[in-house]
Amino acid sequence: MIKIYTEKAPQAVGPYSQAVISGNLLYTSGQIAINPETNTVEATDIQGQTVQIMKNLGEVLKAAGTDFDKVVKTTCFLADMNDFAAFNEIYAEYFTSLPARSCVAVKTLPKNVLAEVELIAEV
């Protein structure tokens, strides 16, 4: 197992890795809308937060030597399912290869963000 780390994505807020490679697959931890330069959640709307999440995931993918086109599965967590359509607008810009996906509403997320996304990708 290879641990992946990049300073261009937020530091883990708990005892876990940003991502790990096992075999030919990358498993990311959930990314939230923390700007790694300021270590804060700057956007307050779902679309702004989703853009930051995708930037963070993109940097983790890059650090692992892969990209969004190699993603095979995502799991998305929304604090409010009423944000589903707005979230999907941004999500669709990044996941053009249409990987498998689960999307669920949850009671709360770390730092009270509106969304979190984790993924599995080929490396």
PDB file of N, CA and C in Angstrom:
ATOM      1  N   MET A   1       0.857  -1.176   0.000  1.00  0.00           N
ATOM      2  CA  MET A   1       0.000   0.000   0.000  1.00  0.00           C
ATOM      3  C   MET A   1       0.898   1.233   0.000  1.00  0.00           C
ATOM      4  N   ILE A   2       0.560   2.179  -0.849  1.00  0.00           N
ATOM      5  CA  ILE A   2       1.320   3.426  -0.962  1.00  0.00           C
ATOM      6  C   ILE A   2       0.428   4.571  -0.512  1.00  0.00           C
ATOM      7  N   LYS A   3       0.909   5.356   0.431  1.00  0.00           N
ATOM      8  CA  LYS A   3       0.153   6.521   0.899  1.00  0.00           C
ATOM      9  C   LYS A   3       0.436   7.708  -0.018  1.00  0.00           C
ATOM     10  N   ILE A   4      -0.605   8.448  -0.356  1.00  0.00           N
ATOM     11  CA  ILE A   4      -0.482   9.620  -1.219  1.00  0.00           C
ATOM     12  C   ILE A   4      -0.665  10.868  -0.373  1.00  0.00           C
ATOM     13  N   TYR A   5       0.204  11.843  -0.617  1.00  0.00           N
ATOM     14  CA  TYR A   5       0.128  13.104   0.108  1.00  0.00           C
ATOM     15  C   TYR A   5       0.524  14.236  -0.826  1.00  0.00           C
ATOM     16  N   THR A   6      -0.223  15.322  -0.771  1.00  0.00           N
ATOM     17  CA  THR A   6       0.153  16.534  -1.487  1.00  0.00           C
ATOM     18  C   THR A   6      -0.193  17.742  -0.631  1.00  0.00           C
ATOM     19  N   GLU A   7       0.672  18.737  -0.659  1.00  0.00           N
ATOM     20  CA  GLU A   7       0.387  19.991   0.046  1.00  0.00           C
ATOM     21  C   GLU A   7      -0.647  20.825  -0.696  1.00  0.00           C
ATOM     22  N   LYS A   8      -0.981  20.434  -1.927  1.00  0.00           N
ATOM     23  CA  LYS A   8      -1.936  21.187  -2.736  1.00  0.00           C
ATOM     24  C   LYS A   8      -3.389  20.796  -2.450  1.00  0.00           C
ATOM     25  N   ALA A   9      -3.577  19.881  -1.501  1.00  0.00           N
ATOM     26  CA  ALA A   9      -4.905  19.512  -1.013  1.00  0.00           C
ATOM     27  C   ALA A   9      -4.871  19.660   0.509  1.00  0.00           C
ATOM     28  N   PRO A  10      -6.024  19.802   1.139  1.00  0.00           N
ATOM     29  CA  PRO A  10      -6.049  19.996   2.591  1.00  0.00           C
ATOM     30  C   PRO A  10      -5.417  18.835   3.350  1.00  0.00           C
ATOM     31  N   GLN A  11      -4.818  19.173   4.471  1.00  0.00           N
ATOM     32  CA  GLN A  11      -4.293  18.156   5.366  1.00  0.00           C
ATOM     33  C   GLN A  11      -5.455  17.364   5.937  1.00  0.00           C
ATOM     34  N   ALA A  12      -5.231  16.121   6.253  1.00  0.00           N
ATOM     35  CA  ALA A  12      -6.266  15.309   6.885  1.00  0.00           C
ATOM     36  C   ALA A  12      -6.653  15.951   8.219  1.00  0.00           C
ATOM     37  N   VAL A  13      -7.948  15.964   8.509  1.00  0.00           N
ATOM     38  CA  VAL A  13      -8.421  16.542   9.775  1.00  0.00           C
ATOM     39  C   VAL A  13      -8.567  15.467  10.843  1.00  0.00           C
ATOM     40  N   GLY A  14      -8.011  14.301  10.585  1.00  0.00           N
ATOM     41  CA  GLY A  14      -8.050  13.191  11.527  1.00  0.00           C
ATOM     42  C   GLY A  14      -6.916  12.232  11.226  1.00  0.00           C
ATOM     43  N   PRO A  15      -6.915  11.070  11.864  1.00  0.00           N
ATOM     44  CA  PRO A  15      -5.829  10.088  11.688  1.00  0.00           C
ATOM     45  C   PRO A  15      -6.024   9.222  10.440  1.00  0.00           C
ATOM     46  N   TYR A  16      -5.845   9.828   9.268  1.00  0.00           N
ATOM     47  CA  TYR A  16      -5.996   9.103   8.008  1.00  0.00           C
ATOM     48  C   TYR A  16      -5.153   9.770   6.933  1.00  0.00           C
ATOM     49  N   SER A  17      -5.000   9.078   5.803  1.00  0.00           N
ATOM     50  CA  SER A  17      -4.238   9.581   4.660  1.00  0.00           C
ATOM     51  C   SER A  17      -5.169  10.288   3.685  1.00  0.00           C
ATOM     52  N   GLN A  18      -4.620  11.195   2.890  1.00  0.00           N
ATOM     53  CA  GLN A  18      -5.408  11.823   1.830  1.00  0.00           C
ATOM     54  C   GLN A  18      -5.893  10.757   0.847  1.00  0.00           C
ATOM     55  N   ALA A  19      -5.035   9.773   0.592  1.00  0.00           N
ATOM     56  CA  ALA A  19      -5.378   8.682  -0.321  1.00  0.00           C
ATOM     57  C   ALA A  19      -4.353   7.572  -0.168  1.00  0.00           C
ATOM     58  N   VAL A  20      -4.714   6.391  -0.656  1.00  0.00           N
ATOM     59  CA  VAL A  20      -3.781   5.265  -0.703  1.00  0.00           C
ATOM     60  C   VAL A  20      -3.959   4.541  -2.030  1.00  0.00           C
ATOM     61  N   ILE A  21      -2.851   3.973  -2.503  1.00  0.00           N
ATOM     62  CA  ILE A  21      -2.890   3.117  -3.675  1.00  0.00           C
ATOM     63  C   ILE A  21      -2.715   1.691  -3.194  1.00  0.00           C
ATOM     64  N   SER A  22      -3.609   0.832  -3.643  1.00  0.00           N
ATOM     65  CA  SER A  22      -3.515  -0.596  -3.377  1.00  0.00           C
ATOM     66  C   SER A  22      -3.719  -1.294  -4.713  1.00  0.00           C
ATOM     67  N   GLY A  23      -2.735  -2.081  -5.120  1.00  0.00           N
ATOM     68  CA  GLY A  23      -2.798  -2.685  -6.446  1.00  0.00           C
ATOM     69  C   GLY A  23      -2.780  -1.593  -7.488  1.00  0.00           C
ATOM     70  N   ASN A  24      -3.757  -1.600  -8.392  1.00  0.00           N
ATOM     71  CA  ASN A  24      -3.807  -0.565  -9.430  1.00  0.00           C
ATOM     72  C   ASN A  24      -4.947   0.423  -9.179  1.00  0.00           C
ATOM     73  N   LEU A  25      -5.389   0.523  -7.909  1.00  0.00           N
ATOM     74  CA  LEU A  25      -6.482   1.432  -7.587  1.00  0.00           C
ATOM     75  C   LEU A  25      -6.072   2.456  -6.531  1.00  0.00           C
ATOM     76  N   LEU A  26      -6.563   3.672  -6.728  1.00  0.00           N
ATOM     77  CA  LEU A  26      -6.400   4.765  -5.770  1.00  0.00           C
ATOM     78  C   LEU A  26      -7.715   4.919  -5.018  1.00  0.00           C
ATOM     79  N   TYR A  27      -7.628   4.978  -3.710  1.00  0.00           N
ATOM     80  CA  TYR A  27      -8.789   5.218  -2.853  1.00  0.00           C
ATOM     81  C   TYR A  27      -8.549   6.539  -2.128  1.00  0.00           C
ATOM     82  N   THR A  28      -9.376   7.529  -2.381  1.00  0.00           N
ATOM     83  CA  THR A  28      -9.192   8.800  -1.680  1.00  0.00           C
ATOM     84  C   THR A  28     -10.055   8.840  -0.431  1.00  0.00           C
ATOM     85  N   SER A  29      -9.597   9.580   0.537  1.00  0.00           N
ATOM     86  CA  SER A  29     -10.446   9.925   1.661  1.00  0.00           C
ATOM     87  C   SER A  29     -11.406  10.997   1.167  1.00  0.00           C
ATOM     88  N   GLY A  30     -12.473  11.211   1.897  1.00  0.00           N
ATOM     89  CA  GLY A  30     -13.420  12.240   1.508  1.00  0.00           C
ATOM     90  C   GLY A  30     -12.768  13.608   1.505  1.00  0.00           C
ATOM     91  N   GLN A  31     -13.032  14.359   0.465  1.00  0.00           N
ATOM     92  CA  GLN A  31     -12.535  15.732   0.380  1.00  0.00           C
ATOM     93  C   GLN A  31     -13.695  16.686   0.628  1.00  0.00           C
ATOM     94  N   ILE A  32     -13.422  17.695   1.423  1.00  0.00           N
ATOM     95  CA  ILE A  32     -14.399  18.751   1.672  1.00  0.00           C
ATOM     96  C   ILE A  32     -13.841  20.054   1.126  1.00  0.00           C
ATOM     97  N   ALA A  33     -14.576  21.121   1.262  1.00  0.00           N
ATOM     98  CA  ALA A  33     -14.254  22.389   0.603  1.00  0.00           C
ATOM     99  C   ALA A  33     -13.248  23.255   1.355  1.00  0.00           C
ATOM    100  N   ILE A  34     -12.223  22.647   1.900  1.00  0.00           N
ATOM    101  CA  ILE A  34     -11.170  23.417   2.557  1.00  0.00           C
ATOM    102  C   ILE A  34     -10.174  23.895   1.511  1.00  0.00           C
ATOM    103  N   ASN A  35      -9.894  25.192   1.506  1.00  0.00           N
ATOM    104  CA  ASN A  35      -8.847  25.739   0.651  1.00  0.00           C
ATOM    105  C   ASN A  35      -7.514  25.412   1.326  1.00  0.00           C
ATOM    106  N   PRO A  36      -6.633  24.633   0.674  1.00  0.00           N
ATOM    107  CA  PRO A  36      -5.384  24.238   1.331  1.00  0.00           C
ATOM    108  C   PRO A  36      -4.427  25.398   1.599  1.00  0.00           C
ATOM    109  N   GLU A  37      -4.594  26.503   0.886  1.00  0.00           N
ATOM    110  CA  GLU A  37      -3.712  27.652   1.107  1.00  0.00           C
ATOM    111  C   GLU A  37      -4.058  28.401   2.389  1.00  0.00           C
ATOM    112  N   THR A  38      -5.340  28.424   2.732  1.00  0.00           N
ATOM    113  CA  THR A  38      -5.773  29.157   3.923  1.00  0.00           C
ATOM    114  C   THR A  38      -6.237  28.247   5.050  1.00  0.00           C
ATOM    115  N   ASN A  39      -6.425  26.956   4.718  1.00  0.00           N
ATOM    116  CA  ASN A  39      -6.928  25.962   5.667  1.00  0.00           C
ATOM    117  C   ASN A  39      -8.311  26.333   6.210  1.00  0.00           C
ATOM    118  N   THR A  40      -9.103  26.990   5.370  1.00  0.00           N
ATOM    119  CA  THR A  40     -10.452  27.384   5.777  1.00  0.00           C
ATOM    120  C   THR A  40     -11.461  27.014   4.681  1.00  0.00           C
ATOM    121  N   VAL A  41     -12.708  26.957   5.074  1.00  0.00           N
ATOM    122  CA  VAL A  41     -13.808  26.799   4.126  1.00  0.00           C
ATOM    123  C   VAL A  41     -14.232  28.207   3.741  1.00  0.00           C
ATOM    124  N   GLU A  42     -14.000  28.577   2.500  1.00  0.00           N
ATOM    125  CA  GLU A  42     -14.257  29.956   2.080  1.00  0.00           C
ATOM    126  C   GLU A  42     -15.618  30.124   1.415  1.00  0.00           C
ATOM    127  N   ALA A  43     -16.037  29.155   0.617  1.00  0.00           N
ATOM    128  CA  ALA A  43     -17.323  29.263  -0.073  1.00  0.00           C
ATOM    129  C   ALA A  43     -18.453  28.879   0.881  1.00  0.00           C
ATOM    130  N   THR A  44     -19.570  29.561   0.759  1.00  0.00           N
ATOM    131  CA  THR A  44     -20.709  29.262   1.619  1.00  0.00           C
ATOM    132  C   THR A  44     -21.855  28.611   0.865  1.00  0.00           C
ATOM    133  N   ASP A  45     -21.760  28.550  -0.473  1.00  0.00           N
ATOM    134  CA  ASP A  45     -22.813  27.944  -1.283  1.00  0.00           C
ATOM    135  C   ASP A  45     -22.358  26.587  -1.808  1.00  0.00           C
ATOM    136  N   ILE A  46     -23.305  25.744  -2.191  1.00  0.00           N
ATOM    137  CA  ILE A  46     -22.980  24.384  -2.633  1.00  0.00           C
ATOM    138  C   ILE A  46     -22.110  24.376  -3.876  1.00  0.00           C
ATOM    139  N   GLN A  47     -22.348  25.266  -4.824  1.00  0.00           N
ATOM    140  CA  GLN A  47     -21.541  25.244  -6.041  1.00  0.00           C
ATOM    141  C   GLN A  47     -20.109  25.687  -5.775  1.00  0.00           C
ATOM    142  N   GLY A  48     -19.925  26.719  -4.976  1.00  0.00           N
ATOM    143  CA  GLY A  48     -18.579  27.154  -4.623  1.00  0.00           C
ATOM    144  C   GLY A  48     -17.832  26.080  -3.858  1.00  0.00           C
ATOM    145  N   GLN A  49     -18.516  25.428  -2.934  1.00  0.00           N
ATOM    146  CA  GLN A  49     -17.875  24.356  -2.176  1.00  0.00           C
ATOM    147  C   GLN A  49     -17.549  23.165  -3.076  1.00  0.00           C
ATOM    148  N   THR A  50     -18.429  22.851  -4.017  1.00  0.00           N
ATOM    149  CA  THR A  50     -18.182  21.723  -4.918  1.00  0.00           C
ATOM    150  C   THR A  50     -16.974  21.997  -5.808  1.00  0.00           C
ATOM    151  N   VAL A  51     -16.819  23.213  -6.284  1.00  0.00           N
ATOM    152  CA  VAL A  51     -15.635  23.567  -7.077  1.00  0.00           C
ATOM    153  C   VAL A  51     -14.374  23.322  -6.254  1.00  0.00           C
ATOM    154  N   GLN A  52     -14.350  23.746  -4.998  1.00  0.00           N
ATOM    155  CA  GLN A  52     -13.163  23.545  -4.165  1.00  0.00           C
ATOM    156  C   GLN A  52     -12.914  22.059  -3.920  1.00  0.00           C
ATOM    157  N   ILE A  53     -13.962  21.296  -3.700  1.00  0.00           N
ATOM    158  CA  ILE A  53     -13.815  19.847  -3.529  1.00  0.00           C
ATOM    159  C   ILE A  53     -13.160  19.239  -4.764  1.00  0.00           C
ATOM    160  N   MET A  54     -13.623  19.626  -5.936  1.00  0.00           N
ATOM    161  CA  MET A  54     -13.075  19.072  -7.178  1.00  0.00           C
ATOM    162  C   MET A  54     -11.619  19.479  -7.384  1.00  0.00           C
ATOM    163  N   LYS A  55     -11.283  20.712  -7.013  1.00  0.00           N
ATOM    164  CA  LYS A  55      -9.871  21.134  -7.077  1.00  0.00           C
ATOM    165  C   LYS A  55      -9.022  20.255  -6.162  1.00  0.00           C
ATOM    166  N   ASN A  56      -9.526  20.011  -4.960  1.00  0.00           N
ATOM    167  CA  ASN A  56      -8.782  19.184  -4.002  1.00  0.00           C
ATOM    168  C   ASN A  56      -8.620  17.757  -4.521  1.00  0.00           C
ATOM    169  N   LEU A  57      -9.705  17.179  -5.028  1.00  0.00           N
ATOM    170  CA  LEU A  57      -9.620  15.826  -5.579  1.00  0.00           C
ATOM    171  C   LEU A  57      -8.673  15.783  -6.770  1.00  0.00           C
ATOM    172  N   GLY A  58      -8.712  16.806  -7.607  1.00  0.00           N
ATOM    173  CA  GLY A  58      -7.812  16.867  -8.751  1.00  0.00           C
ATOM    174  C   GLY A  58      -6.353  16.848  -8.343  1.00  0.00           C
ATOM    175  N   GLU A  59      -6.025  17.550  -7.274  1.00  0.00           N
ATOM    176  CA  GLU A  59      -4.639  17.573  -6.794  1.00  0.00           C
ATOM    177  C   GLU A  59      -4.221  16.220  -6.217  1.00  0.00           C
ATOM    178  N   VAL A  60      -5.121  15.545  -5.526  1.00  0.00           N
ATOM    179  CA  VAL A  60      -4.813  14.214  -4.998  1.00  0.00           C
ATOM    180  C   VAL A  60      -4.645  13.233  -6.154  1.00  0.00           C
ATOM    181  N   LEU A  61      -5.530  13.303  -7.147  1.00  0.00           N
ATOM    182  CA  LEU A  61      -5.390  12.453  -8.325  1.00  0.00           C
ATOM    183  C   LEU A  61      -4.049  12.692  -9.009  1.00  0.00           C
ATOM    184  N   LYS A  62      -3.691  13.957  -9.190  1.00  0.00           N
ATOM    185  CA  LYS A  62      -2.420  14.304  -9.835  1.00  0.00           C
ATOM    186  C   LYS A  62      -1.235  13.749  -9.042  1.00  0.00           C
ATOM    187  N   ALA A  63      -1.280  13.886  -7.721  1.00  0.00           N
ATOM    188  CA  ALA A  63      -0.187  13.386  -6.880  1.00  0.00           C
ATOM    189  C   ALA A  63      -0.025  11.872  -7.000  1.00  0.00           C
ATOM    190  N   ALA A  64      -1.120  11.187  -7.338  1.00  0.00           N
ATOM    191  CA  ALA A  64      -1.082   9.738  -7.505  1.00  0.00           C
ATOM    192  C   ALA A  64      -0.779   9.327  -8.945  1.00  0.00           C
ATOM    193  N   GLY A  65      -0.631  10.307  -9.836  1.00  0.00           N
ATOM    194  CA  GLY A  65      -0.311  10.014 -11.225  1.00  0.00           C
ATOM    195  C   GLY A  65      -1.509   9.608 -12.061  1.00  0.00           C
ATOM    196  N   THR A  66      -2.693  10.080 -11.688  1.00  0.00           N
ATOM    197  CA  THR A  66      -3.893   9.747 -12.440  1.00  0.00           C
ATOM    198  C   THR A  66      -4.751  11.000 -12.606  1.00  0.00           C
ATOM    199  N   ASP A  67      -5.968  10.852 -13.105  1.00  0.00           N
ATOM    200  CA  ASP A  67      -6.824  12.022 -13.314  1.00  0.00           C
ATOM    201  C   ASP A  67      -8.302  11.631 -13.278  1.00  0.00           C
ATOM    202  N   PHE A  68      -9.172  12.614 -13.467  1.00  0.00           N
ATOM    203  CA  PHE A  68     -10.612  12.391 -13.384  1.00  0.00           C
ATOM    204  C   PHE A  68     -11.111  11.342 -14.387  1.00  0.00           C
ATOM    205  N   ASP A  69     -10.466  11.224 -15.549  1.00  0.00           N
ATOM    206  CA  ASP A  69     -10.907  10.253 -16.549  1.00  0.00           C
ATOM    207  C   ASP A  69     -10.710   8.812 -16.103  1.00  0.00           C
ATOM    208  N   LYS A  70      -9.895   8.584 -15.098  1.00  0.00           N
ATOM    209  CA  LYS A  70      -9.614   7.227 -14.612  1.00  0.00           C
ATOM    210  C   LYS A  70     -10.466   6.865 -13.386  1.00  0.00           C
ATOM    211  N   VAL A  71     -11.358   7.753 -12.983  1.00  0.00           N
ATOM    212  CA  VAL A  71     -12.205   7.491 -11.816  1.00  0.00           C
ATOM    213  C   VAL A  71     -13.249   6.448 -12.192  1.00  0.00           C
ATOM    214  N   VAL A  72     -13.382   5.419 -11.341  1.00  0.00           N
ATOM    215  CA  VAL A  72     -14.352   4.356 -11.604  1.00  0.00           C
ATOM    216  C   VAL A  72     -15.576   4.441 -10.686  1.00  0.00           C
ATOM    217  N   LYS A  73     -15.441   5.106  -9.530  1.00  0.00           N
ATOM    218  CA  LYS A  73     -16.555   5.175  -8.572  1.00  0.00           C
ATOM    219  C   LYS A  73     -16.383   6.379  -7.672  1.00  0.00           C
ATOM    220  N   THR A  74     -17.482   7.072  -7.417  1.00  0.00           N
ATOM    221  CA  THR A  74     -17.474   8.156  -6.432  1.00  0.00           C
ATOM    222  C   THR A  74     -18.562   7.895  -5.407  1.00  0.00           C
ATOM    223  N   THR A  75     -18.341   8.423  -4.230  1.00  0.00           N
ATOM    224  CA  THR A  75     -19.370   8.455  -3.202  1.00  0.00           C
ATOM    225  C   THR A  75     -19.490   9.904  -2.761  1.00  0.00           C
ATOM    226  N   CYS A  76     -20.697  10.433  -2.839  1.00  0.00           N
ATOM    227  CA  CYS A  76     -20.953  11.835  -2.552  1.00  0.00           C
ATOM    228  C   CYS A  76     -21.883  11.945  -1.348  1.00  0.00           C
ATOM    229  N   PHE A  77     -21.559  12.869  -0.483  1.00  0.00           N
ATOM    230  CA  PHE A  77     -22.349  13.106   0.720  1.00  0.00           C
ATOM    231  C   PHE A  77     -22.831  14.550   0.693  1.00  0.00           C
ATOM    232  N   LEU A  78     -24.123  14.760   0.821  1.00  0.00           N
ATOM    233  CA  LEU A  78     -24.689  16.102   0.832  1.00  0.00           C
ATOM    234  C   LEU A  78     -25.367  16.356   2.169  1.00  0.00           C
ATOM    235  N   ALA A  79     -25.176  17.551   2.698  1.00  0.00           N
ATOM    236  CA  ALA A  79     -25.842  17.924   3.940  1.00  0.00           C
ATOM    237  C   ALA A  79     -27.326  18.177   3.707  1.00  0.00           C
ATOM    238  N   ASP A  80     -27.693  18.498   2.464  1.00  0.00           N
ATOM    239  CA  ASP A  80     -29.084  18.795   2.140  1.00  0.00           C
ATOM    240  C   ASP A  80     -29.360  18.303   0.718  1.00  0.00           C
ATOM    241  N   MET A  81     -30.241  17.341   0.564  1.00  0.00           N
ATOM    242  CA  MET A  81     -30.534  16.790  -0.754  1.00  0.00           C
ATOM    243  C   MET A  81     -31.182  17.822  -1.671  1.00  0.00           C
ATOM    244  N   ASN A  82     -31.638  18.938  -1.134  1.00  0.00           N
ATOM    245  CA  ASN A  82     -32.137  20.027  -1.978  1.00  0.00           C
ATOM    246  C   ASN A  82     -31.015  20.648  -2.812  1.00  0.00           C
ATOM    247  N   ASP A  83     -29.757  20.394  -2.449  1.00  0.00           N
ATOM    248  CA  ASP A  83     -28.597  20.885  -3.198  1.00  0.00           C
ATOM    249  C   ASP A  83     -28.191  19.952  -4.338  1.00  0.00           C
ATOM    250  N   PHE A  84     -28.915  18.843  -4.516  1.00  0.00           N
ATOM    251  CA  PHE A  84     -28.551  17.809  -5.479  1.00  0.00           C
ATOM    252  C   PHE A  84     -28.332  18.356  -6.894  1.00  0.00           C
ATOM    253  N   ALA A  85     -29.263  19.128  -7.411  1.00  0.00           N
ATOM    254  CA  ALA A  85     -29.156  19.640  -8.784  1.00  0.00           C
ATOM    255  C   ALA A  85     -27.978  20.600  -8.934  1.00  0.00           C
ATOM    256  N   ALA A  86     -27.816  21.502  -7.992  1.00  0.00           N
ATOM    257  CA  ALA A  86     -26.710  22.466  -8.061  1.00  0.00           C
ATOM    258  C   ALA A  86     -25.361  21.755  -7.930  1.00  0.00           C
ATOM    259  N   PHE A  87     -25.295  20.761  -7.061  1.00  0.00           N
ATOM    260  CA  PHE A  87     -24.080  19.949  -6.904  1.00  0.00           C
ATOM    261  C   PHE A  87     -23.764  19.245  -8.225  1.00  0.00           C
ATOM    262  N   ASN A  88     -24.777  18.649  -8.840  1.00  0.00           N
ATOM    263  CA  ASN A  88     -24.585  17.908 -10.087  1.00  0.00           C
ATOM    264  C   ASN A  88     -24.065  18.783 -11.218  1.00  0.00           C
ATOM    265  N   GLU A  89     -24.459  20.049 -11.257  1.00  0.00           N
ATOM    266  CA  GLU A  89     -23.978  20.947 -12.308  1.00  0.00           C
ATOM    267  C   GLU A  89     -22.456  21.023 -12.309  1.00  0.00           C
ATOM    268  N   ILE A  90     -21.869  21.185 -11.139  1.00  0.00           N
ATOM    269  CA  ILE A  90     -20.406  21.271 -11.027  1.00  0.00           C
ATOM    270  C   ILE A  90     -19.787  19.888 -11.191  1.00  0.00           C
ATOM    271  N   TYR A  91     -20.338  18.896 -10.526  1.00  0.00           N
ATOM    272  CA  TYR A  91     -19.837  17.516 -10.591  1.00  0.00           C
ATOM    273  C   TYR A  91     -19.698  17.074 -12.052  1.00  0.00           C
ATOM    274  N   ALA A  92     -20.705  17.344 -12.873  1.00  0.00           N
ATOM    275  CA  ALA A  92     -20.716  16.905 -14.267  1.00  0.00           C
ATOM    276  C   ALA A  92     -19.579  17.521 -15.089  1.00  0.00           C
ATOM    277  N   GLU A  93     -19.088  18.686 -14.708  1.00  0.00           N
ATOM    278  CA  GLU A  93     -17.977  19.323 -15.412  1.00  0.00           C
ATOM    279  C   GLU A  93     -16.676  18.546 -15.229  1.00  0.00           C
ATOM    280  N   TYR A  94     -16.529  17.845 -14.125  1.00  0.00           N
ATOM    281  CA  TYR A  94     -15.297  17.131 -13.800  1.00  0.00           C
ATOM    282  C   TYR A  94     -15.356  15.645 -14.145  1.00  0.00           C
ATOM    283  N   PHE A  95     -16.499  15.027 -13.921  1.00  0.00           N
ATOM    284  CA  PHE A  95     -16.626  13.583 -14.130  1.00  0.00           C
ATOM    285  C   PHE A  95     -17.306  13.299 -15.471  1.00  0.00           C
ATOM    286  N   THR A  96     -16.641  13.707 -16.558  1.00  0.00           N
ATOM    287  CA  THR A  96     -17.201  13.541 -17.898  1.00  0.00           C
ATOM    288  C   THR A  96     -17.184  12.085 -18.355  1.00  0.00           C
ATOM    289  N   SER A  97     -16.385  11.237 -17.703  1.00  0.00           N
ATOM    290  CA  SER A  97     -16.341   9.820 -18.072  1.00  0.00           C
ATOM    291  C   SER A  97     -17.478   9.027 -17.430  1.00  0.00           C
ATOM    292  N   LEU A  98     -18.298   9.692 -16.624  1.00  0.00           N
ATOM    293  CA  LEU A  98     -19.488   9.096 -16.008  1.00  0.00           C
ATOM    294  C   LEU A  98     -19.189   7.844 -15.185  1.00  0.00           C
ATOM    295  N   PRO A  99     -18.368   7.976 -14.139  1.00  0.00           N
ATOM    296  CA  PRO A  99     -18.102   6.814 -13.285  1.00  0.00           C
ATOM    297  C   PRO A  99     -19.362   6.413 -12.509  1.00  0.00           C
ATOM    298  N   ALA A 100     -19.334   5.209 -11.937  1.00  0.00           N
ATOM    299  CA  ALA A 100     -20.410   4.798 -11.044  1.00  0.00           C
ATOM    300  C   ALA A 100     -20.434   5.762  -9.860  1.00  0.00           C
ATOM    301  N   ARG A 101     -21.604   5.915  -9.221  1.00  0.00           N
ATOM    302  CA  ARG A 101     -21.704   6.894  -8.131  1.00  0.00           C
ATOM    303  C   ARG A 101     -22.812   6.517  -7.167  1.00  0.00           C
ATOM    304  N   SER A 102     -22.558   6.840  -5.910  1.00  0.00           N
ATOM    305  CA  SER A 102     -23.597   6.840  -4.882  1.00  0.00           C
ATOM    306  C   SER A 102     -23.654   8.253  -4.342  1.00  0.00           C
ATOM    307  N   CYS A 103     -24.849   8.720  -3.996  1.00  0.00           N
ATOM    308  CA  CYS A 103     -25.000  10.059  -3.422  1.00  0.00           C
ATOM    309  C   CYS A 103     -26.053   9.966  -2.334  1.00  0.00           C
ATOM    310  N   VAL A 104     -25.667  10.362  -1.131  1.00  0.00           N
ATOM    311  CA  VAL A 104     -26.582  10.271   0.000  1.00  0.00           C
ATOM    312  C   VAL A 104     -26.602  11.578   0.776  1.00  0.00           C
ATOM    313  N   ALA A 105     -27.702  11.801   1.466  1.00  0.00           N
ATOM    314  CA  ALA A 105     -27.797  12.941   2.381  1.00  0.00           C
ATOM    315  C   ALA A 105     -27.369  12.461   3.759  1.00  0.00           C
ATOM    316  N   VAL A 106     -26.659  13.322   4.463  1.00  0.00           N
ATOM    317  CA  VAL A 106     -26.182  12.998   5.809  1.00  0.00           C
ATOM    318  C   VAL A 106     -26.586  14.120   6.755  1.00  0.00           C
ATOM    319  N   LYS A 107     -26.554  13.816   8.031  1.00  0.00           N
ATOM    320  CA  LYS A 107     -26.985  14.806   9.024  1.00  0.00           C
ATOM    321  C   LYS A 107     -26.017  15.989   9.090  1.00  0.00           C
ATOM    322  N   THR A 108     -24.736  15.719   9.253  1.00  0.00           N
ATOM    323  CA  THR A 108     -23.712  16.776   9.282  1.00  0.00           C
ATOM    324  C   THR A 108     -22.427  16.247   8.679  1.00  0.00           C
ATOM    325  N   LEU A 109     -21.582  17.179   8.253  1.00  0.00           N
ATOM    326  CA  LEU A 109     -20.282  16.851   7.697  1.00  0.00           C
ATOM    327  C   LEU A 109     -19.212  17.626   8.467  1.00  0.00           C
ATOM    328  N   PRO A 110     -17.946  17.197   8.376  1.00  0.00           N
ATOM    329  CA  PRO A 110     -16.884  17.916   9.079  1.00  0.00           C
ATOM    330  C   PRO A 110     -16.887  19.406   8.738  1.00  0.00           C
ATOM    331  N   LYS A 111     -16.641  20.202   9.727  1.00  0.00           N
ATOM    332  CA  LYS A 111     -16.578  21.662   9.584  1.00  0.00           C
ATOM    333  C   LYS A 111     -17.879  22.257   9.049  1.00  0.00           C
ATOM    334  N   ASN A 112     -18.974  21.506   9.173  1.00  0.00           N
ATOM    335  CA  ASN A 112     -20.302  21.951   8.726  1.00  0.00           C
ATOM    336  C   ASN A 112     -20.356  22.327   7.254  1.00  0.00           C
ATOM    337  N   VAL A 113     -19.540  21.649   6.424  1.00  0.00           N
ATOM    338  CA  VAL A 113     -19.589  21.898   4.991  1.00  0.00           C
ATOM    339  C   VAL A 113     -20.869  21.318   4.409  1.00  0.00           C
ATOM    340  N   LEU A 114     -21.137  21.641   3.163  1.00  0.00           N
ATOM    341  CA  LEU A 114     -22.361  21.221   2.496  1.00  0.00           C
ATOM    342  C   LEU A 114     -22.210  19.917   1.718  1.00  0.00           C
ATOM    343  N   ALA A 115     -20.958  19.503   1.426  1.00  0.00           N
ATOM    344  CA  ALA A 115     -20.736  18.302   0.640  1.00  0.00           C
ATOM    345  C   ALA A 115     -19.363  17.704   0.929  1.00  0.00           C
ATOM    346  N   GLU A 116     -19.247  16.428   0.621  1.00  0.00           N
ATOM    347  CA  GLU A 116     -17.979  15.698   0.706  1.00  0.00           C
ATOM    348  C   GLU A 116     -17.999  14.662  -0.399  1.00  0.00           C
ATOM    349  N   VAL A 117     -16.832  14.423  -1.020  1.00  0.00           N
ATOM    350  CA  VAL A 117     -16.741  13.444  -2.099  1.00  0.00           C
ATOM    351  C   VAL A 117     -15.483  12.607  -1.903  1.00  0.00           C
ATOM    352  N   GLU A 118     -15.655  11.289  -2.047  1.00  0.00           N
ATOM    353  CA  GLU A 118     -14.513  10.369  -2.082  1.00  0.00           C
ATOM    354  C   GLU A 118     -14.586   9.594  -3.381  1.00  0.00           C
ATOM    355  N   LEU A 119     -13.459   9.022  -3.797  1.00  0.00           N
ATOM    356  CA  LEU A 119     -13.476   8.320  -5.074  1.00  0.00           C
ATOM    357  C   LEU A 119     -12.487   7.177  -5.100  1.00  0.00           C
ATOM    358  N   ILE A 120     -12.689   6.329  -6.106  1.00  0.00           N
ATOM    359  CA  ILE A 120     -11.780   5.232  -6.441  1.00  0.00           C
ATOM    360  C   ILE A 120     -11.396   5.435  -7.899  1.00  0.00           C
ATOM    361  N   ALA A 121     -10.097   5.368  -8.189  1.00  0.00           N
ATOM    362  CA  ALA A 121      -9.621   5.587  -9.560  1.00  0.00           C
ATOM    363  C   ALA A 121      -8.543   4.586  -9.915  1.00  0.00           C
ATOM    364  N   GLU A 122      -8.409   4.315 -11.197  1.00  0.00           N
ATOM    365  CA  GLU A 122      -7.314   3.487 -11.686  1.00  0.00           C
ATOM    366  C   GLU A 122      -6.034   4.334 -11.703  1.00  0.00           C
ATOM    367  N   VAL A 123      -4.914   3.671 -11.434  1.00  0.00           N
ATOM    368  CA  VAL A 123      -3.620   4.352 -11.508  1.00  0.00           C
ATOM    369  C   VAL A 123      -2.738   3.635 -12.507  1.00  0.00           C
TER     370      VAL A 123
END
